């Protein structure tokens, strides 16, 4: 487990089959899953000002998209939507998650909702 240098929160990784992908998973496990998807050229720390308040009542999951933040770059073709769906499966979410995205993150959220309902 790594620490996010800006927030000192534990950042975890999972093996995507093409390098590790990083994510923050905080808040009560009984809370509704809320996935925060960042813009291009940033990482999950884009939401540092929101996460503490949201994590009081929600399970907040904030991944670093492939090639961003602490996540590995790709060595072969990939789709961000497939990465996100794999992360949610890895976390064993039993209920639908609320996807919140900004710019690039909004595209990932939309594609994921359509392709991996």
PDB file of N, CA and C in Angstrom:
ATOM      1  N   UNK A   1       0.848  -1.164   0.000  1.00  0.00           N
ATOM      2  CA  UNK A   1       0.000   0.000   0.000  1.00  0.00           C
ATOM      3  C   UNK A   1       0.902   1.237   0.000  1.00  0.00           C
ATOM      4  N   UNK A   2       0.587   2.189  -0.857  1.00  0.00           N
ATOM      5  CA  UNK A   2       1.346   3.428  -0.939  1.00  0.00           C
ATOM      6  C   UNK A   2       0.568   4.530  -0.243  1.00  0.00           C
ATOM      7  N   UNK A   3       1.242   5.616   0.049  1.00  0.00           N
ATOM      8  CA  UNK A   3       0.575   6.781   0.611  1.00  0.00           C
ATOM      9  C   UNK A   3       0.520   7.864  -0.442  1.00  0.00           C
ATOM     10  N   UNK A   4      -0.635   8.498  -0.528  1.00  0.00           N
ATOM     11  CA  UNK A   4      -0.794   9.666  -1.376  1.00  0.00           C
ATOM     12  C   UNK A   4       0.025  10.771  -0.704  1.00  0.00           C
ATOM     13  N   UNK A   5       1.019  11.280  -1.379  1.00  0.00           N
ATOM     14  CA  UNK A   5       1.924  12.243  -0.770  1.00  0.00           C
ATOM     15  C   UNK A   5       1.239  13.528  -0.353  1.00  0.00           C
ATOM     16  N   UNK A   6       0.165  13.919  -1.023  1.00  0.00           N
ATOM     17  CA  UNK A   6      -0.517  15.162  -0.684  1.00  0.00           C
ATOM     18  C   UNK A   6      -1.474  14.998   0.492  1.00  0.00           C
ATOM     19  N   UNK A   7      -2.061  13.840   0.670  1.00  0.00           N
ATOM     20  CA  UNK A   7      -3.094  13.675   1.689  1.00  0.00           C
ATOM     21  C   UNK A   7      -2.726  12.684   2.781  1.00  0.00           C
ATOM     22  N   UNK A   8      -1.690  11.889   2.595  1.00  0.00           N
ATOM     23  CA  UNK A   8      -1.266  10.851   3.536  1.00  0.00           C
ATOM     24  C   UNK A   8      -2.319   9.749   3.696  1.00  0.00           C
ATOM     25  N   UNK A   9      -3.284   9.672   2.793  1.00  0.00           N
ATOM     26  CA  UNK A   9      -4.262   8.585   2.818  1.00  0.00           C
ATOM     27  C   UNK A   9      -3.654   7.381   2.109  1.00  0.00           C
ATOM     28  N   UNK A  10      -4.031   6.174   2.544  1.00  0.00           N
ATOM     29  CA  UNK A  10      -3.503   4.990   1.870  1.00  0.00           C
ATOM     30  C   UNK A  10      -4.095   4.811   0.473  1.00  0.00           C
ATOM     31  N   UNK A  11      -3.226   4.687  -0.483  1.00  0.00           N
ATOM     32  CA  UNK A  11      -3.630   4.428  -1.861  1.00  0.00           C
ATOM     33  C   UNK A  11      -3.259   2.986  -2.159  1.00  0.00           C
ATOM     34  N   UNK A  12      -4.232   2.241  -2.671  1.00  0.00           N
ATOM     35  CA  UNK A  12      -4.009   0.844  -2.978  1.00  0.00           C
ATOM     36  C   UNK A  12      -3.826   0.670  -4.473  1.00  0.00           C
ATOM     37  N   UNK A  13      -3.335  -0.496  -4.855  1.00  0.00           N
ATOM     38  CA  UNK A  13      -3.219  -0.826  -6.274  1.00  0.00           C
ATOM     39  C   UNK A  13      -3.765  -2.229  -6.498  1.00  0.00           C
ATOM     40  N   UNK A  14      -4.141  -2.488  -7.732  1.00  0.00           N
ATOM     41  CA  UNK A  14      -4.478  -3.848  -8.130  1.00  0.00           C
ATOM     42  C   UNK A  14      -3.811  -4.097  -9.472  1.00  0.00           C
ATOM     43  N   UNK A  15      -3.524  -5.365  -9.742  1.00  0.00           N
ATOM     44  CA  UNK A  15      -2.841  -5.732 -10.978  1.00  0.00           C
ATOM     45  C   UNK A  15      -3.865  -5.823 -12.100  1.00  0.00           C
ATOM     46  N   UNK A  16      -3.721  -4.961 -13.072  1.00  0.00           N
ATOM     47  CA  UNK A  16      -4.660  -4.911 -14.194  1.00  0.00           C
ATOM     48  C   UNK A  16      -4.330  -5.919 -15.287  1.00  0.00           C
ATOM     49  N   UNK A  17      -3.209  -6.602 -15.148  1.00  0.00           N
ATOM     50  CA  UNK A  17      -2.735  -7.461 -16.221  1.00  0.00           C
ATOM     51  C   UNK A  17      -1.812  -6.704 -17.160  1.00  0.00           C
ATOM     52  N   UNK A  18      -1.764  -5.384 -16.998  1.00  0.00           N
ATOM     53  CA  UNK A  18      -0.855  -4.527 -17.768  1.00  0.00           C
ATOM     54  C   UNK A  18      -0.320  -3.429 -16.848  1.00  0.00           C
ATOM     55  N   UNK A  19       0.125  -3.857 -15.677  1.00  0.00           N
ATOM     56  CA  UNK A  19       0.685  -2.931 -14.703  1.00  0.00           C
ATOM     57  C   UNK A  19      -0.320  -2.566 -13.628  1.00  0.00           C
ATOM     58  N   UNK A  20       0.185  -2.092 -12.496  1.00  0.00           N
ATOM     59  CA  UNK A  20      -0.701  -1.751 -11.385  1.00  0.00           C
ATOM     60  C   UNK A  20      -1.490  -0.470 -11.640  1.00  0.00           C
ATOM     61  N   UNK A  21      -2.750  -0.478 -11.209  1.00  0.00           N
ATOM     62  CA  UNK A  21      -3.597   0.697 -11.261  1.00  0.00           C
ATOM     63  C   UNK A  21      -3.936   1.092  -9.829  1.00  0.00           C
ATOM     64  N   UNK A  22      -3.797   2.386  -9.532  1.00  0.00           N
ATOM     65  CA  UNK A  22      -3.959   2.895  -8.172  1.00  0.00           C
ATOM     66  C   UNK A  22      -5.366   3.434  -7.939  1.00  0.00           C
ATOM     67  N   UNK A  23      -5.797   3.339  -6.686  1.00  0.00           N
ATOM     68  CA  UNK A  23      -7.103   3.881  -6.320  1.00  0.00           C
ATOM     69  C   UNK A  23      -7.141   4.156  -4.825  1.00  0.00           C
ATOM     70  N   UNK A  24      -7.953   5.111  -4.454  1.00  0.00           N
ATOM     71  CA  UNK A  24      -8.245   5.411  -3.062  1.00  0.00           C
ATOM     72  C   UNK A  24      -9.610   4.798  -2.763  1.00  0.00           C
ATOM     73  N   UNK A  25      -9.741   4.140  -1.644  1.00  0.00           N
ATOM     74  CA  UNK A  25     -11.002   3.524  -1.232  1.00  0.00           C
ATOM     75  C   UNK A  25     -11.189   3.872   0.243  1.00  0.00           C
ATOM     76  N   UNK A  26     -12.084   4.805   0.523  1.00  0.00           N
ATOM     77  CA  UNK A  26     -12.245   5.295   1.887  1.00  0.00           C
ATOM     78  C   UNK A  26     -13.715   5.475   2.216  1.00  0.00           C
ATOM     79  N   UNK A  27     -14.011   5.625   3.479  1.00  0.00           N
ATOM     80  CA  UNK A  27     -15.390   5.784   3.926  1.00  0.00           C
ATOM     81  C   UNK A  27     -15.976   4.464   4.370  1.00  0.00           C
ATOM     82  N   UNK A  28     -17.185   4.511   4.933  1.00  0.00           N
ATOM     83  CA  UNK A  28     -17.803   3.287   5.460  1.00  0.00           C
ATOM     84  C   UNK A  28     -18.153   2.300   4.354  1.00  0.00           C
ATOM     85  N   UNK A  29     -17.851   1.048   4.578  1.00  0.00           N
ATOM     86  CA  UNK A  29     -18.161   0.006   3.589  1.00  0.00           C
ATOM     87  C   UNK A  29     -19.658  -0.183   3.434  1.00  0.00           C
ATOM     88  N   UNK A  30     -20.420   0.284   4.406  1.00  0.00           N
ATOM     89  CA  UNK A  30     -21.877   0.186   4.325  1.00  0.00           C
ATOM     90  C   UNK A  30     -22.482   1.360   3.561  1.00  0.00           C
ATOM     91  N   UNK A  31     -21.669   2.373   3.248  1.00  0.00           N
ATOM     92  CA  UNK A  31     -22.155   3.530   2.499  1.00  0.00           C
ATOM     93  C   UNK A  31     -22.303   3.220   1.024  1.00  0.00           C
ATOM     94  N   UNK A  32     -23.153   3.970   0.354  1.00  0.00           N
ATOM     95  CA  UNK A  32     -23.334   3.807  -1.098  1.00  0.00           C
ATOM     96  C   UNK A  32     -22.025   4.112  -1.809  1.00  0.00           C
ATOM     97  N   UNK A  33     -21.545   3.239  -2.702  1.00  0.00           N
ATOM     98  CA  UNK A  33     -20.291   3.491  -3.415  1.00  0.00           C
ATOM     99  C   UNK A  33     -20.407   4.711  -4.332  1.00  0.00           C
ATOM    100  N   UNK A  34     -19.468   5.612  -4.197  1.00  0.00           N
ATOM    101  CA  UNK A  34     -19.393   6.834  -4.984  1.00  0.00           C
ATOM    102  C   UNK A  34     -18.020   6.857  -5.636  1.00  0.00           C
ATOM    103  N   UNK A  35     -17.979   6.797  -6.965  1.00  0.00           N
ATOM    104  CA  UNK A  35     -16.714   6.723  -7.704  1.00  0.00           C
ATOM    105  C   UNK A  35     -16.438   8.088  -8.327  1.00  0.00           C
ATOM    106  N   UNK A  36     -15.301   8.681  -7.975  1.00  0.00           N
ATOM    107  CA  UNK A  36     -14.904   9.992  -8.479  1.00  0.00           C
ATOM    108  C   UNK A  36     -13.852   9.816  -9.562  1.00  0.00           C
ATOM    109  N   UNK A  37     -14.147  10.309 -10.757  1.00  0.00           N
ATOM    110  CA  UNK A  37     -13.281  10.115 -11.926  1.00  0.00           C
ATOM    111  C   UNK A  37     -12.722  11.467 -12.370  1.00  0.00           C
ATOM    112  N   UNK A  38     -11.425  11.588 -12.314  1.00  0.00           N
ATOM    113  CA  UNK A  38     -10.740  12.863 -12.541  1.00  0.00           C
ATOM    114  C   UNK A  38     -10.621  13.233 -14.023  1.00  0.00           C
ATOM    115  N   UNK A  39     -10.231  14.470 -14.257  1.00  0.00           N
ATOM    116  CA  UNK A  39      -9.977  14.970 -15.608  1.00  0.00           C
ATOM    117  C   UNK A  39      -8.635  14.441 -16.116  1.00  0.00           C
ATOM    118  N   UNK A  40      -8.341  14.705 -17.380  1.00  0.00           N
ATOM    119  CA  UNK A  40      -7.040  14.352 -17.933  1.00  0.00           C
ATOM    120  C   UNK A  40      -5.941  15.196 -17.295  1.00  0.00           C
ATOM    121  N   UNK A  41      -4.744  14.664 -17.277  1.00  0.00           N
ATOM    122  CA  UNK A  41      -3.558  15.349 -16.771  1.00  0.00           C
ATOM    123  C   UNK A  41      -3.597  15.610 -15.272  1.00  0.00           C
ATOM    124  N   UNK A  42      -4.505  14.944 -14.545  1.00  0.00           N
ATOM    125  CA  UNK A  42      -4.537  15.035 -13.087  1.00  0.00           C
ATOM    126  C   UNK A  42      -4.620  13.622 -12.526  1.00  0.00           C
ATOM    127  N   UNK A  43      -5.023  13.488 -11.283  1.00  0.00           N
ATOM    128  CA  UNK A  43      -5.227  12.184 -10.657  1.00  0.00           C
ATOM    129  C   UNK A  43      -6.297  12.332  -9.583  1.00  0.00           C
ATOM    130  N   UNK A  44      -6.452  11.315  -8.744  1.00  0.00           N
ATOM    131  CA  UNK A  44      -7.527  11.327  -7.747  1.00  0.00           C
ATOM    132  C   UNK A  44      -7.425  12.491  -6.770  1.00  0.00           C
ATOM    133  N   UNK A  45      -6.259  13.073  -6.631  1.00  0.00           N
ATOM    134  CA  UNK A  45      -6.113  14.193  -5.688  1.00  0.00           C
ATOM    135  C   UNK A  45      -6.883  15.436  -6.140  1.00  0.00           C
ATOM    136  N   UNK A  46      -7.392  15.427  -7.358  1.00  0.00           N
ATOM    137  CA  UNK A  46      -8.245  16.525  -7.820  1.00  0.00           C
ATOM    138  C   UNK A  46      -9.443  16.692  -6.884  1.00  0.00           C
ATOM    139  N   UNK A  47      -9.830  15.624  -6.207  1.00  0.00           N
ATOM    140  CA  UNK A  47     -11.012  15.643  -5.354  1.00  0.00           C
ATOM    141  C   UNK A  47     -10.680  15.739  -3.865  1.00  0.00           C
ATOM    142  N   UNK A  48      -9.450  16.092  -3.528  1.00  0.00           N
ATOM    143  CA  UNK A  48      -9.053  16.152  -2.121  1.00  0.00           C
ATOM    144  C   UNK A  48      -9.961  17.038  -1.277  1.00  0.00           C
ATOM    145  N   UNK A  49     -10.479  18.104  -1.853  1.00  0.00           N
ATOM    146  CA  UNK A  49     -11.336  19.000  -1.079  1.00  0.00           C
ATOM    147  C   UNK A  49     -12.728  18.418  -0.846  1.00  0.00           C
ATOM    148  N   UNK A  50     -13.141  17.426  -1.616  1.00  0.00           N
ATOM    149  CA  UNK A  50     -14.472  16.838  -1.493  1.00  0.00           C
ATOM    150  C   UNK A  50     -14.498  15.525  -0.715  1.00  0.00           C
ATOM    151  N   UNK A  51     -13.428  14.764  -0.796  1.00  0.00           N
ATOM    152  CA  UNK A  51     -13.426  13.405  -0.259  1.00  0.00           C
ATOM    153  C   UNK A  51     -13.736  13.340   1.236  1.00  0.00           C
ATOM    154  N   UNK A  52     -13.153  14.172   2.093  1.00  0.00           N
ATOM    155  CA  UNK A  52     -13.463  14.029   3.528  1.00  0.00           C
ATOM    156  C   UNK A  52     -14.952  14.146   3.842  1.00  0.00           C
ATOM    157  N   UNK A  53     -15.636  15.103   3.257  1.00  0.00           N
ATOM    158  CA  UNK A  53     -17.072  15.268   3.527  1.00  0.00           C
ATOM    159  C   UNK A  53     -17.874  14.121   2.916  1.00  0.00           C
ATOM    160  N   UNK A  54     -17.549  13.721   1.696  1.00  0.00           N
ATOM    161  CA  UNK A  54     -18.288  12.644   1.044  1.00  0.00           C
ATOM    162  C   UNK A  54     -18.089  11.312   1.766  1.00  0.00           C
ATOM    163  N   UNK A  55     -16.888  11.091   2.296  1.00  0.00           N
ATOM    164  CA  UNK A  55     -16.556   9.816   2.935  1.00  0.00           C
ATOM    165  C   UNK A  55     -17.226   9.645   4.293  1.00  0.00           C
ATOM    166  N   UNK A  56     -17.896  10.671   4.797  1.00  0.00           N
ATOM    167  CA  UNK A  56     -18.636  10.505   6.053  1.00  0.00           C
ATOM    168  C   UNK A  56     -19.831   9.570   5.871  1.00  0.00           C
ATOM    169  N   UNK A  57     -20.433   9.597   4.687  1.00  0.00           N
ATOM    170  CA  UNK A  57     -21.643   8.815   4.452  1.00  0.00           C
ATOM    171  C   UNK A  57     -21.559   7.854   3.272  1.00  0.00           C
ATOM    172  N   UNK A  58     -20.509   7.966   2.469  1.00  0.00           N
ATOM    173  CA  UNK A  58     -20.369   7.147   1.270  1.00  0.00           C
ATOM    174  C   UNK A  58     -19.043   6.406   1.285  1.00  0.00           C
ATOM    175  N   UNK A  59     -19.031   5.282   0.621  1.00  0.00           N
ATOM    176  CA  UNK A  59     -17.759   4.618   0.318  1.00  0.00           C
ATOM    177  C   UNK A  59     -17.229   5.329  -0.917  1.00  0.00           C
ATOM    178  N   UNK A  60     -16.162   6.084  -0.775  1.00  0.00           N
ATOM    179  CA  UNK A  60     -15.609   6.874  -1.871  1.00  0.00           C
ATOM    180  C   UNK A  60     -14.447   6.114  -2.505  1.00  0.00           C
ATOM    181  N   UNK A  61     -14.567   5.899  -3.795  1.00  0.00           N
ATOM    182  CA  UNK A  61     -13.531   5.225  -4.577  1.00  0.00           C
ATOM    183  C   UNK A  61     -13.052   6.226  -5.613  1.00  0.00           C
ATOM    184  N   UNK A  62     -11.756   6.525  -5.574  1.00  0.00           N
ATOM    185  CA  UNK A  62     -11.199   7.521  -6.486  1.00  0.00           C
ATOM    186  C   UNK A  62      -9.961   6.926  -7.159  1.00  0.00           C
ATOM    187  N   UNK A  63     -10.137   6.366  -8.354  1.00  0.00           N
ATOM    188  CA  UNK A  63      -9.005   5.750  -9.042  1.00  0.00           C
ATOM    189  C   UNK A  63      -8.153   6.778  -9.791  1.00  0.00           C
ATOM    190  N   UNK A  64      -6.901   6.414  -9.991  1.00  0.00           N
ATOM    191  CA  UNK A  64      -6.039   7.131 -10.925  1.00  0.00           C
ATOM    192  C   UNK A  64      -6.166   6.405 -12.255  1.00  0.00           C
ATOM    193  N   UNK A  65      -6.648   7.093 -13.276  1.00  0.00           N
ATOM    194  CA  UNK A  65      -6.777   6.478 -14.596  1.00  0.00           C
ATOM    195  C   UNK A  65      -5.405   6.020 -15.086  1.00  0.00           C
ATOM    196  N   UNK A  66      -5.418   5.030 -15.924  1.00  0.00           N
ATOM    197  CA  UNK A  66      -4.159   4.503 -16.476  1.00  0.00           C
ATOM    198  C   UNK A  66      -3.322   5.638 -17.058  1.00  0.00           C
ATOM    199  N   UNK A  67      -2.038   5.653 -16.673  1.00  0.00           N
ATOM    200  CA  UNK A  67      -1.122   6.686 -17.154  1.00  0.00           C
ATOM    201  C   UNK A  67      -1.202   7.992 -16.375  1.00  0.00           C
ATOM    202  N   UNK A  68      -1.975   8.021 -15.316  1.00  0.00           N
ATOM    203  CA  UNK A  68      -2.140   9.212 -14.484  1.00  0.00           C
ATOM    204  C   UNK A  68      -1.770   8.875 -13.040  1.00  0.00           C
ATOM    205  N   UNK A  69      -1.291   9.861 -12.313  1.00  0.00           N
ATOM    206  CA  UNK A  69      -0.999   9.671 -10.895  1.00  0.00           C
ATOM    207  C   UNK A  69      -0.084   8.498 -10.641  1.00  0.00           C
ATOM    208  N   UNK A  70      -0.530   7.595  -9.769  1.00  0.00           N
ATOM    209  CA  UNK A  70       0.273   6.437  -9.383  1.00  0.00           C
ATOM    210  C   UNK A  70      -0.009   5.196 -10.214  1.00  0.00           C
ATOM    211  N   UNK A  71      -0.863   5.307 -11.237  1.00  0.00           N
ATOM    212  CA  UNK A  71      -1.172   4.166 -12.098  1.00  0.00           C
ATOM    213  C   UNK A  71      -0.148   4.025 -13.214  1.00  0.00           C
ATOM    214  N   UNK A  72       0.068   2.789 -13.623  1.00  0.00           N
ATOM    215  CA  UNK A  72       1.037   2.484 -14.681  1.00  0.00           C
ATOM    216  C   UNK A  72       0.550   2.981 -16.037  1.00  0.00           C
ATOM    217  N   UNK A  73       1.496   3.216 -16.911  1.00  0.00           N
ATOM    218  CA  UNK A  73       1.175   3.488 -18.312  1.00  0.00           C
ATOM    219  C   UNK A  73       0.837   2.167 -18.996  1.00  0.00           C
ATOM    220  N   UNK A  74       0.158   2.253 -20.094  1.00  0.00           N
ATOM    221  CA  UNK A  74      -0.211   1.052 -20.845  1.00  0.00           C
ATOM    222  C   UNK A  74       0.930   0.604 -21.739  1.00  0.00           C
ATOM    223  N   UNK A  75       1.041  -0.700 -21.921  1.00  0.00           N
ATOM    224  CA  UNK A  75       2.012  -1.237 -22.870  1.00  0.00           C
ATOM    225  C   UNK A  75       1.309  -1.841 -24.078  1.00  0.00           C
ATOM    226  N   UNK A  76      -0.028  -1.787 -24.049  1.00  0.00           N
ATOM    227  CA  UNK A  76      -0.839  -2.307 -25.157  1.00  0.00           C
ATOM    228  C   UNK A  76      -2.157  -1.526 -25.180  1.00  0.00           C
ATOM    229  N   UNK A  77      -2.939  -1.682 -26.223  1.00  0.00           N
ATOM    230  CA  UNK A  77      -4.217  -0.951 -26.290  1.00  0.00           C
ATOM    231  C   UNK A  77      -5.116  -1.279 -25.088  1.00  0.00           C
ATOM    232  N   UNK A  78      -5.868  -0.288 -24.658  1.00  0.00           N
ATOM    233  CA  UNK A  78      -6.759  -0.461 -23.515  1.00  0.00           C
ATOM    234  C   UNK A  78      -7.921   0.516 -23.639  1.00  0.00           C
ATOM    235  N   UNK A  79      -8.929   0.295 -22.794  1.00  0.00           N
ATOM    236  CA  UNK A  79     -10.053   1.232 -22.703  1.00  0.00           C
ATOM    237  C   UNK A  79     -10.263   1.569 -21.231  1.00  0.00           C
ATOM    238  N   UNK A  80     -10.395   2.864 -20.943  1.00  0.00           N
ATOM    239  CA  UNK A  80     -10.571   3.299 -19.559  1.00  0.00           C
ATOM    240  C   UNK A  80     -11.818   2.668 -18.934  1.00  0.00           C
ATOM    241  N   UNK A  81     -12.872   2.505 -19.708  1.00  0.00           N
ATOM    242  CA  UNK A  81     -14.097   1.907 -19.176  1.00  0.00           C
ATOM    243  C   UNK A  81     -13.860   0.480 -18.695  1.00  0.00           C
ATOM    244  N   UNK A  82     -13.046  -0.272 -19.421  1.00  0.00           N
ATOM    245  CA  UNK A  82     -12.743  -1.633 -19.004  1.00  0.00           C
ATOM    246  C   UNK A  82     -11.895  -1.640 -17.735  1.00  0.00           C
ATOM    247  N   UNK A  83     -10.967  -0.685 -17.625  1.00  0.00           N
ATOM    248  CA  UNK A  83     -10.175  -0.562 -16.398  1.00  0.00           C
ATOM    249  C   UNK A  83     -11.076  -0.288 -15.198  1.00  0.00           C
ATOM    250  N   UNK A  84     -12.026   0.635 -15.348  1.00  0.00           N
ATOM    251  CA  UNK A  84     -12.912   0.972 -14.239  1.00  0.00           C
ATOM    252  C   UNK A  84     -13.797  -0.214 -13.881  1.00  0.00           C
ATOM    253  N   UNK A  85     -14.360  -0.885 -14.862  1.00  0.00           N
ATOM    254  CA  UNK A  85     -15.197  -2.054 -14.585  1.00  0.00           C
ATOM    255  C   UNK A  85     -14.390  -3.137 -13.864  1.00  0.00           C
ATOM    256  N   UNK A  86     -13.143  -3.325 -14.262  1.00  0.00           N
ATOM    257  CA  UNK A  86     -12.286  -4.312 -13.598  1.00  0.00           C
ATOM    258  C   UNK A  86     -12.018  -3.921 -12.149  1.00  0.00           C
ATOM    259  N   UNK A  87     -11.808  -2.632 -11.897  1.00  0.00           N
ATOM    260  CA  UNK A  87     -11.595  -2.176 -10.520  1.00  0.00           C
ATOM    261  C   UNK A  87     -12.836  -2.447  -9.671  1.00  0.00           C
ATOM    262  N   UNK A  88     -14.001  -2.118 -10.190  1.00  0.00           N
ATOM    263  CA  UNK A  88     -15.230  -2.329  -9.416  1.00  0.00           C
ATOM    264  C   UNK A  88     -15.460  -3.815  -9.151  1.00  0.00           C
ATOM    265  N   UNK A  89     -15.132  -4.671 -10.114  1.00  0.00           N
ATOM    266  CA  UNK A  89     -15.204  -6.126  -9.882  1.00  0.00           C
ATOM    267  C   UNK A  89     -14.186  -6.543  -8.826  1.00  0.00           C
ATOM    268  N   UNK A  90     -12.959  -6.006  -8.936  1.00  0.00           N
ATOM    269  CA  UNK A  90     -11.894  -6.312  -7.976  1.00  0.00           C
ATOM    270  C   UNK A  90     -12.345  -5.974  -6.550  1.00  0.00           C
ATOM    271  N   UNK A  91     -13.069  -4.869  -6.396  1.00  0.00           N
ATOM    272  CA  UNK A  91     -13.542  -4.444  -5.075  1.00  0.00           C
ATOM    273  C   UNK A  91     -14.767  -5.228  -4.614  1.00  0.00           C
ATOM    274  N   UNK A  92     -15.334  -6.037  -5.498  1.00  0.00           N
ATOM    275  CA  UNK A  92     -16.461  -6.878  -5.143  1.00  0.00           C
ATOM    276  C   UNK A  92     -17.721  -6.109  -4.794  1.00  0.00           C
ATOM    277  N   UNK A  93     -17.963  -5.021  -5.483  1.00  0.00           N
ATOM    278  CA  UNK A  93     -19.151  -4.223  -5.192  1.00  0.00           C
ATOM    279  C   UNK A  93     -20.405  -5.014  -5.555  1.00  0.00           C
ATOM    280  N   UNK A  94     -21.298  -5.136  -4.596  1.00  0.00           N
ATOM    281  CA  UNK A  94     -22.536  -5.885  -4.797  1.00  0.00           C
ATOM    282  C   UNK A  94     -23.689  -5.004  -5.257  1.00  0.00           C
ATOM    283  N   UNK A  95     -23.525  -3.706  -5.141  1.00  0.00           N
ATOM    284  CA  UNK A  95     -24.595  -2.788  -5.520  1.00  0.00           C
ATOM    285  C   UNK A  95     -24.081  -1.816  -6.570  1.00  0.00           C
ATOM    286  N   UNK A  96     -24.982  -1.183  -7.291  1.00  0.00           N
ATOM    287  CA  UNK A  96     -24.544  -0.197  -8.287  1.00  0.00           C
ATOM    288  C   UNK A  96     -23.804   0.960  -7.622  1.00  0.00           C
ATOM    289  N   UNK A  97     -22.817   1.456  -8.302  1.00  0.00           N
ATOM    290  CA  UNK A  97     -22.054   2.604  -7.812  1.00  0.00           C
ATOM    291  C   UNK A  97     -22.535   3.864  -8.524  1.00  0.00           C
ATOM    292  N   UNK A  98     -22.425   4.967  -7.834  1.00  0.00           N
ATOM    293  CA  UNK A  98     -22.691   6.270  -8.443  1.00  0.00           C
ATOM    294  C   UNK A  98     -21.382   6.738  -9.049  1.00  0.00           C
ATOM    295  N   UNK A  99     -21.379   7.006 -10.352  1.00  0.00           N
ATOM    296  CA  UNK A  99     -20.178   7.454 -11.046  1.00  0.00           C
ATOM    297  C   UNK A  99     -20.258   8.958 -11.249  1.00  0.00           C
ATOM    298  N   UNK A 100     -19.229   9.668 -10.796  1.00  0.00           N
ATOM    299  CA  UNK A 100     -19.157  11.123 -10.929  1.00  0.00           C
ATOM    300  C   UNK A 100     -17.856  11.439 -11.648  1.00  0.00           C
ATOM    301  N   UNK A 101     -17.948  12.090 -12.797  1.00  0.00           N
ATOM    302  CA  UNK A 101     -16.745  12.387 -13.557  1.00  0.00           C
ATOM    303  C   UNK A 101     -16.727  13.813 -14.060  1.00  0.00           C
ATOM    304  N   UNK A 102     -15.522  14.309 -14.256  1.00  0.00           N
ATOM    305  CA  UNK A 102     -15.292  15.638 -14.806  1.00  0.00           C
ATOM    306  C   UNK A 102     -14.490  15.467 -16.093  1.00  0.00           C
ATOM    307  N   UNK A 103     -14.972  16.035 -17.188  1.00  0.00           N
ATOM    308  CA  UNK A 103     -14.276  16.009 -18.474  1.00  0.00           C
ATOM    309  C   UNK A 103     -13.971  14.560 -18.883  1.00  0.00           C
ATOM    310  N   UNK A 104     -12.699  14.182 -18.940  1.00  0.00           N
ATOM    311  CA  UNK A 104     -12.342  12.813 -19.299  1.00  0.00           C
ATOM    312  C   UNK A 104     -13.054  11.819 -18.390  1.00  0.00           C
ATOM    313  N   UNK A 105     -13.135  12.138 -17.112  1.00  0.00           N
ATOM    314  CA  UNK A 105     -13.809  11.259 -16.160  1.00  0.00           C
ATOM    315  C   UNK A 105     -15.278  11.078 -16.472  1.00  0.00           C
ATOM    316  N   UNK A 106     -15.930  12.131 -16.983  1.00  0.00           N
ATOM    317  CA  UNK A 106     -17.339  12.023 -17.357  1.00  0.00           C
ATOM    318  C   UNK A 106     -17.514  11.074 -18.534  1.00  0.00           C
ATOM    319  N   UNK A 107     -16.592  11.106 -19.476  1.00  0.00           N
ATOM    320  CA  UNK A 107     -16.646  10.167 -20.609  1.00  0.00           C
ATOM    321  C   UNK A 107     -16.473   8.732 -20.129  1.00  0.00           C
ATOM    322  N   UNK A 108     -15.548   8.531 -19.205  1.00  0.00           N
ATOM    323  CA  UNK A 108     -15.335   7.191 -18.647  1.00  0.00           C
ATOM    324  C   UNK A 108     -16.602   6.730 -17.926  1.00  0.00           C
ATOM    325  N   UNK A 109     -17.218   7.624 -17.150  1.00  0.00           N
ATOM    326  CA  UNK A 109     -18.437   7.287 -16.414  1.00  0.00           C
ATOM    327  C   UNK A 109     -19.549   6.892 -17.380  1.00  0.00           C
ATOM    328  N   UNK A 110     -19.742   7.677 -18.409  1.00  0.00           N
ATOM    329  CA  UNK A 110     -20.802   7.406 -19.382  1.00  0.00           C
ATOM    330  C   UNK A 110     -20.566   6.075 -20.094  1.00  0.00           C
ATOM    331  N   UNK A 111     -19.349   5.862 -20.598  1.00  0.00           N
ATOM    332  CA  UNK A 111     -19.036   4.611 -21.290  1.00  0.00           C
ATOM    333  C   UNK A 111     -19.221   3.406 -20.352  1.00  0.00           C
ATOM    334  N   UNK A 112     -18.803   3.564 -19.103  1.00  0.00           N
ATOM    335  CA  UNK A 112     -18.915   2.455 -18.148  1.00  0.00           C
ATOM    336  C   UNK A 112     -20.375   2.154 -17.858  1.00  0.00           C
ATOM    337  N   UNK A 113     -21.172   3.180 -17.658  1.00  0.00           N
ATOM    338  CA  UNK A 113     -22.607   2.979 -17.387  1.00  0.00           C
ATOM    339  C   UNK A 113     -23.296   2.276 -18.560  1.00  0.00           C
ATOM    340  N   UNK A 114     -22.913   2.617 -19.778  1.00  0.00           N
ATOM    341  CA  UNK A 114     -23.517   1.999 -20.952  1.00  0.00           C
ATOM    342  C   UNK A 114     -23.048   0.576 -21.201  1.00  0.00           C
ATOM    343  N   UNK A 115     -21.758   0.337 -21.007  1.00  0.00           N
ATOM    344  CA  UNK A 115     -21.176  -0.959 -21.352  1.00  0.00           C
ATOM    345  C   UNK A 115     -21.096  -1.957 -20.204  1.00  0.00           C
ATOM    346  N   UNK A 116     -21.101  -1.459 -18.990  1.00  0.00           N
ATOM    347  CA  UNK A 116     -20.963  -2.332 -17.814  1.00  0.00           C
ATOM    348  C   UNK A 116     -22.021  -1.955 -16.775  1.00  0.00           C
ATOM    349  N   UNK A 117     -23.291  -2.067 -17.129  1.00  0.00           N
ATOM    350  CA  UNK A 117     -24.329  -1.625 -16.176  1.00  0.00           C
ATOM    351  C   UNK A 117     -24.317  -2.507 -14.986  1.00  0.00           C
TER     352      UNK A 117
END
